[in-house]
Amino acid sequence: MPDFPIDPELRLRVNPPGVLCRTTEAMAFIRKMTLGRAGRAWLEVQQSFEDAWDEWTAMEAVVKLEILLEAEGLLIEDKPDPSSTSSLQYRARAA
């Protein structure tokens, strides 16, 4: 499998916390997860990475991984920007 950047990177809630920045790092992480878990979902994501041959298929595999990480509670999502529009609307109503 070719190596592609993951943008935005995936921040992991594992011990110690980790960050996946490249598809080869993601594949190594997935292999560790499949050793400890025989779950079908992890094997399917691993197969998606093994089948990736270009940037587009690698991106699809990363999306599948992101969905699985979120479902397993292993994805650390970025905090919303406090200067975002919704925050400004909330502050305006509170004033």
C-alpha atoms as a PDB file:
ATOM      1  CA  MET A   1       0.000   0.000   0.000  1.00  0.00           C
ATOM      2  CA  PRO A   2       1.353   3.443  -0.874  1.00  0.00           C
ATOM      3  CA  ASP A   3       1.842   5.948   1.942  1.00  0.00           C
ATOM      4  CA  PHE A   4      -0.425   9.019   1.950  1.00  0.00           C
ATOM      5  CA  PRO A   5      -0.893  11.857   4.460  1.00  0.00           C
ATOM      6  CA  ILE A   6      -4.014  11.882   6.633  1.00  0.00           C
ATOM      7  CA  ASP A   7      -5.441  15.391   6.730  1.00  0.00           C
ATOM      8  CA  PRO A   8      -6.744  16.190   9.213  1.00  0.00           C
ATOM      9  CA  GLU A   9      -4.809  13.728  11.313  1.00  0.00           C
ATOM     10  CA  LEU A  10      -6.664  11.324  13.591  1.00  0.00           C
ATOM     11  CA  ARG A  11      -6.090  11.831  17.315  1.00  0.00           C
ATOM     12  CA  LEU A  12      -6.487   8.624  19.293  1.00  0.00           C
ATOM     13  CA  ARG A  13      -7.787   8.069  22.788  1.00  0.00           C
ATOM     14  CA  VAL A  14      -5.390   5.253  23.633  1.00  0.00           C
ATOM     15  CA  ASN A  15      -2.685   4.852  26.231  1.00  0.00           C
ATOM     16  CA  PRO A  16      -0.459   6.698  25.524  1.00  0.00           C
ATOM     17  CA  PRO A  17      -2.501   9.048  23.298  1.00  0.00           C
ATOM     18  CA  GLY A  18      -1.514   8.864  19.660  1.00  0.00           C
ATOM     19  CA  VAL A  19      -1.894  10.688  16.387  1.00  0.00           C
ATOM     20  CA  LEU A  20      -2.168   9.089  12.964  1.00  0.00           C
ATOM     21  CA  CYS A  21      -0.669  11.384  10.306  1.00  0.00           C
ATOM     22  CA  ARG A  22      -0.002   8.881   7.498  1.00  0.00           C
ATOM     23  CA  THR A  23      -1.774   5.846   6.084  1.00  0.00           C
ATOM     24  CA  THR A  24       1.153   3.573   6.962  1.00  0.00           C
ATOM     25  CA  GLU A  25       0.836   4.660  10.616  1.00  0.00           C
ATOM     26  CA  ALA A  26      -2.884   3.936  10.436  1.00  0.00           C
ATOM     27  CA  MET A  27      -2.227   0.474   9.028  1.00  0.00           C
ATOM     28  CA  ALA A  28       0.246  -0.318  11.822  1.00  0.00           C
ATOM     29  CA  PHE A  29      -2.339   0.814  14.396  1.00  0.00           C
ATOM     30  CA  ILE A  30      -5.073  -1.279  12.749  1.00  0.00           C
ATOM     31  CA  ARG A  31      -2.834  -4.352  12.784  1.00  0.00           C
ATOM     32  CA  LYS A  32      -2.297  -3.902  16.537  1.00  0.00           C
ATOM     33  CA  MET A  33      -6.047  -3.556  17.035  1.00  0.00           C
ATOM     34  CA  THR A  34      -6.828  -6.700  15.044  1.00  0.00           C
ATOM     35  CA  LEU A  35      -4.360  -8.673  17.176  1.00  0.00           C
ATOM     36  CA  GLY A  36      -6.261  -7.780  20.341  1.00  0.00           C
ATOM     37  CA  ARG A  37      -9.727  -7.921  18.791  1.00  0.00           C
ATOM     38  CA  ALA A  38     -11.094 -10.334  16.251  1.00  0.00           C
ATOM     39  CA  GLY A  39     -13.879  -7.894  15.419  1.00  0.00           C
ATOM     40  CA  ARG A  40     -15.169  -7.988  11.866  1.00  0.00           C
ATOM     41  CA  ALA A  41     -15.238  -4.180  11.626  1.00  0.00           C
ATOM     42  CA  TRP A  42     -11.493  -3.921  12.316  1.00  0.00           C
ATOM     43  CA  LEU A  43     -10.753  -6.622   9.750  1.00  0.00           C
ATOM     44  CA  GLU A  44     -12.888  -4.807   7.169  1.00  0.00           C
ATOM     45  CA  VAL A  45     -11.054  -1.532   7.797  1.00  0.00           C
ATOM     46  CA  GLN A  46      -7.731  -3.369   7.532  1.00  0.00           C
ATOM     47  CA  GLN A  47      -8.851  -4.814   4.195  1.00  0.00           C
ATOM     48  CA  SER A  48      -9.787  -1.308   2.989  1.00  0.00           C
ATOM     49  CA  PHE A  49      -6.252  -0.104   3.724  1.00  0.00           C
ATOM     50  CA  GLU A  50      -4.691  -3.171   2.090  1.00  0.00           C
ATOM     51  CA  ASP A  51      -6.814  -2.591  -1.033  1.00  0.00           C
ATOM     52  CA  ALA A  52      -5.975   1.131  -1.276  1.00  0.00           C
ATOM     53  CA  TRP A  53      -3.884   1.837  -4.357  1.00  0.00           C
ATOM     54  CA  ASP A  54      -4.262   5.586  -4.845  1.00  0.00           C
ATOM     55  CA  GLU A  55      -5.006   8.720  -2.846  1.00  0.00           C
ATOM     56  CA  TRP A  56      -8.772   8.421  -3.358  1.00  0.00           C
ATOM     57  CA  THR A  57      -9.075   4.820  -2.111  1.00  0.00           C
ATOM     58  CA  ALA A  58      -6.717   5.633   0.770  1.00  0.00           C
ATOM     59  CA  MET A  59      -8.978   8.548   1.734  1.00  0.00           C
ATOM     60  CA  GLU A  60     -12.003   6.228   1.672  1.00  0.00           C
ATOM     61  CA  ALA A  61     -10.154   3.802   3.967  1.00  0.00           C
ATOM     62  CA  VAL A  62      -9.288   6.655   6.354  1.00  0.00           C
ATOM     63  CA  VAL A  63     -12.967   7.669   6.514  1.00  0.00           C
ATOM     64  CA  LYS A  64     -13.934   4.074   7.387  1.00  0.00           C
ATOM     65  CA  LEU A  65     -11.270   4.073  10.108  1.00  0.00           C
ATOM     66  CA  GLU A  66     -12.493   7.396  11.468  1.00  0.00           C
ATOM     67  CA  ILE A  67     -16.059   6.089  11.694  1.00  0.00           C
ATOM     68  CA  LEU A  68     -14.882   2.945  13.496  1.00  0.00           C
ATOM     69  CA  LEU A  69     -12.703   4.921  15.911  1.00  0.00           C
ATOM     70  CA  GLU A  70     -15.646   7.177  16.721  1.00  0.00           C
ATOM     71  CA  ALA A  71     -17.956   4.185  17.255  1.00  0.00           C
ATOM     72  CA  GLU A  72     -15.407   2.589  19.612  1.00  0.00           C
ATOM     73  CA  GLY A  73     -14.875   5.825  21.556  1.00  0.00           C
ATOM     74  CA  LEU A  74     -11.236   6.018  20.458  1.00  0.00           C
ATOM     75  CA  LEU A  75     -11.376   9.229  18.423  1.00  0.00           C
ATOM     76  CA  ILE A  76     -10.493  12.523  20.075  1.00  0.00           C
ATOM     77  CA  GLU A  77     -12.403  15.171  18.188  1.00  0.00           C
ATOM     78  CA  ASP A  78     -11.089  18.697  17.932  1.00  0.00           C
ATOM     79  CA  LYS A  79     -12.780  21.153  20.255  1.00  0.00           C
ATOM     80  CA  PRO A  80     -14.950  23.746  18.517  1.00  0.00           C
ATOM     81  CA  ASP A  81     -13.330  27.121  17.940  1.00  0.00           C
ATOM     82  CA  PRO A  82     -14.629  29.535  20.631  1.00  0.00           C
ATOM     83  CA  SER A  83     -14.784  32.286  18.014  1.00  0.00           C
ATOM     84  CA  SER A  84     -17.144  30.275  15.824  1.00  0.00           C
ATOM     85  CA  THR A  85     -20.476  31.734  14.771  1.00  0.00           C
ATOM     86  CA  SER A  86     -22.534  29.557  17.134  1.00  0.00           C
ATOM     87  CA  SER A  87     -20.459  30.710  20.113  1.00  0.00           C
ATOM     88  CA  LEU A  88     -20.906  34.334  19.093  1.00  0.00           C
ATOM     89  CA  GLN A  89     -24.664  33.844  18.773  1.00  0.00           C
ATOM     90  CA  TYR A  90     -24.795  32.286  22.239  1.00  0.00           C
ATOM     91  CA  ARG A  91     -22.842  35.186  23.745  1.00  0.00           C
ATOM     92  CA  ALA A  92     -25.111  37.719  22.025  1.00  0.00           C
ATOM     93  CA  ARG A  93     -28.231  36.065  23.461  1.00  0.00           C
ATOM     94  CA  ALA A  94     -26.695  35.826  26.918  1.00  0.00           C
ATOM     95  CA  ALA A  95     -25.871  39.552  26.996  1.00  0.00           C
END
